[in-house]
Amino acid sequence: MKRVLIVDDLPAALAMVRAAVLEAFAGAVCSEADSVASALELLAQARFDLALVDLGLPDGDGVDLIARVALAQPGCLIVVATIYDDDAHLFRALQAGAQGYLLKDQPRDWLARQLRGLAQGQPPLSPAIARRLLRHFRGTSSGGERPVAASDTDASAEPARGDELTGREREVLSLLAQGARSADIALTLGISRHTVGDHVKNIYRKLEIGSRAEAALRARRLGLI
């Protein structure tokens, strides 16, 4: 993988993904974009062997960008690097042309190992994503109903429930939803990782959520990202 495109609007997350790429592919040249528009400009200027694409971008849907990369550069391998671990994002991304799906809450060295597997034709998948795929195809083959995607439900039916969050908790939720790890949040806000953990627990309890994907959806509804 000589030329790699990384698309992520959170600097800390972008830096982590870049480090994983350079660990996996020594000497790779990384081009970075923080939006759909800037990614399309880079795609028009160069050919890429690999594209790592976040799904939550400020000016559009990462799934749509994946489809455009697949159309414009058929030889480019496309891997999602995101916090969204739900069926709706997963299957839309795969249908658009993604050949791997990684969650950014994994350690950098683990992400690097998954990326190295591309050379042997191994699709990079986070364990939680692999389990979702297995459950989906087991249900399909046995005649069961497919999992209900987030897009199949009325998101407006669920209240935002953000009034009880403190100002600091809203800051943590915003960074969490953009893919930042606890260490990155602590560094950005000038607090300890232990304090970040306490804020995250309070956020999950107050909003009655239990995953980063739910946190991202709730943050989007609250206008924090």
Protein backbone atom coordinates (compact mmCIF):
# COMPACT_ATOMS: atom_id res chain seq x y z
CA MET A 1 0.00 0.00 0.00
CA LYS A 2 2.03 2.93 -1.29
CA ARG A 3 -0.57 5.70 -1.40
CA VAL A 4 -3.21 5.89 1.31
CA LEU A 5 -6.13 8.31 1.70
CA ILE A 6 -7.35 8.92 5.26
CA VAL A 7 -10.65 10.75 5.72
CA ASP A 8 -11.52 11.86 9.26
CA ASP A 9 -12.56 15.23 10.65
CA LEU A 10 -11.21 14.68 14.18
CA PRO A 11 -7.46 15.47 14.36
CA ALA A 12 -6.74 13.04 17.19
CA ALA A 13 -8.53 10.18 15.44
CA LEU A 14 -6.85 11.02 12.13
CA ALA A 15 -3.43 10.97 13.78
CA MET A 16 -4.15 7.58 15.35
CA VAL A 17 -5.27 6.07 12.04
CA ARG A 18 -2.24 7.56 10.28
CA ALA A 19 0.08 6.01 12.87
CA ALA A 20 -1.58 2.61 12.34
CA VAL A 21 -1.15 2.92 8.57
CA LEU A 22 2.54 3.80 8.85
CA GLU A 23 3.07 0.94 11.28
CA ALA A 24 1.38 -1.46 8.87
CA PHE A 25 2.95 -0.15 5.66
CA ALA A 26 6.42 1.33 6.08
CA GLY A 27 7.05 4.13 3.61
CA ALA A 28 3.41 4.66 2.73
CA VAL A 29 2.46 8.17 1.60
CA CYS A 30 -0.65 9.34 3.46
CA SER A 31 -2.98 12.03 2.12
CA GLU A 32 -5.46 13.38 4.65
CA ALA A 33 -8.90 14.92 4.30
CA ASP A 34 -11.29 16.20 6.95
CA SER A 35 -14.44 16.37 4.81
CA VAL A 36 -16.15 14.85 1.79
CA ALA A 37 -15.22 17.88 -0.32
CA SER A 38 -11.52 17.77 0.51
CA ALA A 39 -11.46 13.99 -0.05
CA LEU A 40 -12.97 14.40 -3.51
CA GLU A 41 -10.31 16.99 -4.37
CA LEU A 42 -7.56 14.53 -3.43
CA LEU A 43 -9.24 11.73 -5.40
CA ALA A 44 -9.20 13.94 -8.48
CA GLN A 45 -5.48 14.59 -8.08
CA ALA A 46 -4.05 11.13 -7.37
CA ARG A 47 -4.67 7.38 -7.44
CA PHE A 48 -4.80 5.56 -4.13
CA ASP A 49 -4.17 1.96 -3.13
CA LEU A 50 -6.15 2.23 0.11
CA ALA A 51 -8.77 4.60 1.50
CA LEU A 52 -9.69 4.69 5.20
CA VAL A 53 -12.98 6.51 5.58
CA ASP A 54 -14.86 7.73 8.65
CA LEU A 55 -18.65 7.70 8.31
CA GLY A 56 -19.50 10.83 10.29
CA LEU A 57 -18.19 13.76 8.25
CA PRO A 58 -19.16 17.43 8.63
CA ASP A 59 -20.35 17.99 5.07
CA GLY A 60 -21.85 14.67 4.09
CA ASP A 61 -22.25 10.95 4.58
CA GLY A 62 -19.13 8.80 4.55
CA VAL A 63 -21.13 5.99 2.91
CA ASP A 64 -21.79 8.22 -0.08
CA LEU A 65 -18.08 9.02 -0.25
CA ILE A 66 -17.27 5.29 -0.22
CA ALA A 67 -19.55 4.78 -3.22
CA ARG A 68 -17.82 7.61 -5.08
CA VAL A 69 -14.35 6.24 -4.31
CA ALA A 70 -15.40 2.79 -5.52
CA LEU A 71 -16.72 4.27 -8.75
CA ALA A 72 -13.83 6.66 -9.42
CA GLN A 73 -10.98 4.33 -8.42
CA PRO A 74 -12.06 0.66 -8.70
CA GLY A 75 -8.57 -0.57 -7.76
CA CYS A 76 -8.59 1.24 -4.42
CA LEU A 77 -9.32 -0.87 -1.34
CA ILE A 78 -11.79 0.89 0.95
CA VAL A 79 -11.90 0.31 4.70
CA VAL A 80 -14.23 2.04 7.13
CA ALA A 81 -12.62 3.45 10.30
CA THR A 82 -15.40 4.72 12.55
CA ILE A 83 -17.16 4.59 15.91
CA TYR A 84 -20.48 3.43 14.43
CA ASP A 85 -21.01 -0.24 15.27
CA ASP A 86 -24.69 -0.60 14.31
CA ASP A 87 -26.19 -2.65 11.48
CA ALA A 88 -27.47 0.39 9.59
CA HIS A 89 -24.02 1.91 9.08
CA LEU A 90 -22.28 -1.45 8.64
CA PHE A 91 -24.42 -2.86 5.86
CA ARG A 92 -24.81 0.44 4.00
CA ALA A 93 -21.02 0.84 3.97
CA LEU A 94 -20.43 -2.71 2.72
CA GLN A 95 -23.09 -2.31 0.04
CA ALA A 96 -21.44 0.94 -1.09
CA GLY A 97 -18.11 -0.83 -1.65
CA ALA A 98 -16.24 -1.01 1.67
CA GLN A 99 -14.02 -4.11 1.98
CA GLY A 100 -13.36 -3.80 5.70
CA TYR A 101 -14.86 -2.20 8.79
CA LEU A 102 -12.77 -1.17 11.79
CA LEU A 103 -13.85 0.51 15.02
CA LYS A 104 -11.56 3.28 16.20
CA ASP A 105 -11.78 2.29 19.86
CA GLN A 106 -9.27 -0.51 19.18
CA PRO A 107 -5.56 0.01 20.01
CA ARG A 108 -3.34 1.38 17.26
CA ASP A 109 -1.16 -1.75 17.04
CA TRP A 110 -4.27 -3.91 16.64
CA LEU A 111 -5.51 -1.70 13.81
CA ALA A 112 -2.08 -1.97 12.17
CA ARG A 113 -2.22 -5.77 12.30
CA GLN A 114 -5.65 -5.76 10.70
CA LEU A 115 -4.43 -3.48 7.92
CA ARG A 116 -1.39 -5.69 7.25
CA GLY A 117 -3.78 -8.55 6.60
CA LEU A 118 -4.93 -6.76 3.44
CA ALA A 119 -1.75 -7.97 1.73
CA GLN A 120 -2.95 -11.58 2.25
CA GLY A 121 -6.47 -10.78 1.11
CA GLN A 122 -7.89 -10.75 4.65
CA PRO A 123 -10.69 -8.20 5.11
CA PRO A 124 -10.02 -6.11 8.24
CA LEU A 125 -12.92 -6.45 10.67
CA SER A 126 -13.25 -5.50 14.32
CA PRO A 127 -14.47 -8.43 16.45
CA ALA A 128 -17.80 -6.76 17.21
CA ILE A 129 -18.38 -6.25 13.49
CA ALA A 130 -17.47 -9.84 12.65
CA ARG A 131 -19.99 -11.03 15.23
CA ARG A 132 -22.69 -8.81 13.72
CA LEU A 133 -22.03 -10.27 10.28
CA LEU A 134 -22.19 -13.82 11.60
CA ARG A 135 -25.47 -13.13 13.40
CA HIS A 136 -26.90 -11.52 10.29
CA PHE A 137 -26.06 -14.40 7.96
CA ARG A 138 -27.09 -17.04 10.49
CA GLY A 139 -30.47 -15.33 10.74
CA THR A 140 -30.75 -15.06 6.96
CA SER A 141 -29.84 -18.69 6.29
CA SER A 142 -32.28 -19.97 8.92
CA GLY A 143 -35.14 -17.90 7.58
CA GLY A 144 -35.14 -15.52 10.53
CA GLU A 145 -35.88 -11.87 10.30
CA ARG A 146 -33.00 -9.54 9.53
CA PRO A 147 -31.80 -7.21 12.28
CA VAL A 148 -33.74 -3.98 12.48
CA ALA A 149 -31.55 -1.13 11.20
CA ALA A 150 -31.58 2.28 12.75
CA SER A 151 -32.93 3.68 9.48
CA ASP A 152 -35.99 1.42 9.80
CA THR A 153 -37.20 3.18 12.93
CA ASP A 154 -38.43 6.69 13.57
CA ALA A 155 -35.48 8.37 15.24
CA SER A 156 -37.61 11.38 16.07
CA ALA A 157 -39.71 9.21 18.41
CA GLU A 158 -36.85 9.15 20.95
CA PRO A 159 -36.38 12.33 22.97
CA ALA A 160 -32.98 13.98 22.95
CA ARG A 161 -32.84 13.98 26.79
CA GLY A 162 -29.77 16.21 26.89
CA ASP A 163 -30.93 18.88 29.34
CA GLU A 164 -29.54 17.05 32.35
CA LEU A 165 -25.98 16.95 30.98
CA THR A 166 -23.48 19.40 32.41
CA GLY A 167 -21.42 21.61 30.13
CA ARG A 168 -18.36 19.40 30.62
CA GLU A 169 -20.36 16.26 29.90
CA ARG A 170 -21.59 17.78 26.64
CA GLU A 171 -17.96 18.50 25.67
CA VAL A 172 -16.98 14.90 26.46
CA LEU A 173 -19.99 13.55 24.55
CA SER A 174 -19.08 15.63 21.50
CA LEU A 175 -15.49 14.32 21.43
CA LEU A 176 -16.60 10.77 22.21
CA ALA A 177 -19.06 10.85 19.33
CA GLN A 178 -16.33 12.00 16.94
CA GLY A 179 -14.20 8.95 17.68
CA ALA A 180 -11.78 10.31 20.26
CA ARG A 181 -10.37 7.83 22.76
CA SER A 182 -10.32 8.52 26.49
CA ALA A 183 -6.65 9.59 26.36
CA ASP A 184 -7.38 12.03 23.52
CA ILE A 185 -10.37 13.51 25.37
CA ALA A 186 -8.30 13.91 28.54
CA LEU A 187 -5.55 15.70 26.61
CA THR A 188 -7.97 17.96 24.75
CA LEU A 189 -9.90 19.01 27.85
CA GLY A 190 -6.94 19.06 30.26
CA ILE A 191 -8.41 16.49 32.64
CA SER A 192 -7.36 13.00 33.74
CA ARG A 193 -8.42 9.77 32.02
CA HIS A 194 -10.11 8.75 35.27
CA THR A 195 -12.22 11.91 35.16
CA VAL A 196 -13.08 11.23 31.52
CA GLY A 197 -14.25 7.75 32.52
CA ASP A 198 -16.48 9.23 35.23
CA HIS A 199 -18.00 11.68 32.73
CA VAL A 200 -18.64 8.89 30.20
CA LYS A 201 -20.39 6.77 32.84
CA ASN A 202 -22.57 9.72 33.82
CA ILE A 203 -23.40 10.44 30.17
CA TYR A 204 -24.38 6.84 29.51
CA ARG A 205 -26.50 6.75 32.69
CA LYS A 206 -28.27 10.06 32.06
CA LEU A 207 -28.97 9.34 28.38
CA GLU A 208 -29.72 5.66 28.99
CA ILE A 209 -27.29 4.49 26.33
CA GLY A 210 -24.65 1.78 26.29
CA SER A 211 -22.35 2.18 23.29
CA ARG A 212 -20.31 4.70 21.30
CA ALA A 213 -22.69 4.31 18.38
CA GLU A 214 -25.63 5.35 20.54
CA ALA A 215 -23.55 8.21 21.95
CA ALA A 216 -22.80 9.44 18.42
CA LEU A 217 -26.44 9.30 17.39
CA ARG A 218 -27.55 11.15 20.52
CA ALA A 219 -24.82 13.78 20.10
CA ARG A 220 -25.94 14.37 16.54
CA ARG A 221 -29.55 14.84 17.66
CA LEU A 222 -28.40 17.29 20.32
CA GLY A 223 -26.47 19.29 17.70
CA LEU A 224 -23.08 18.56 19.29
CA ILE A 225 -21.52 17.17 16.08
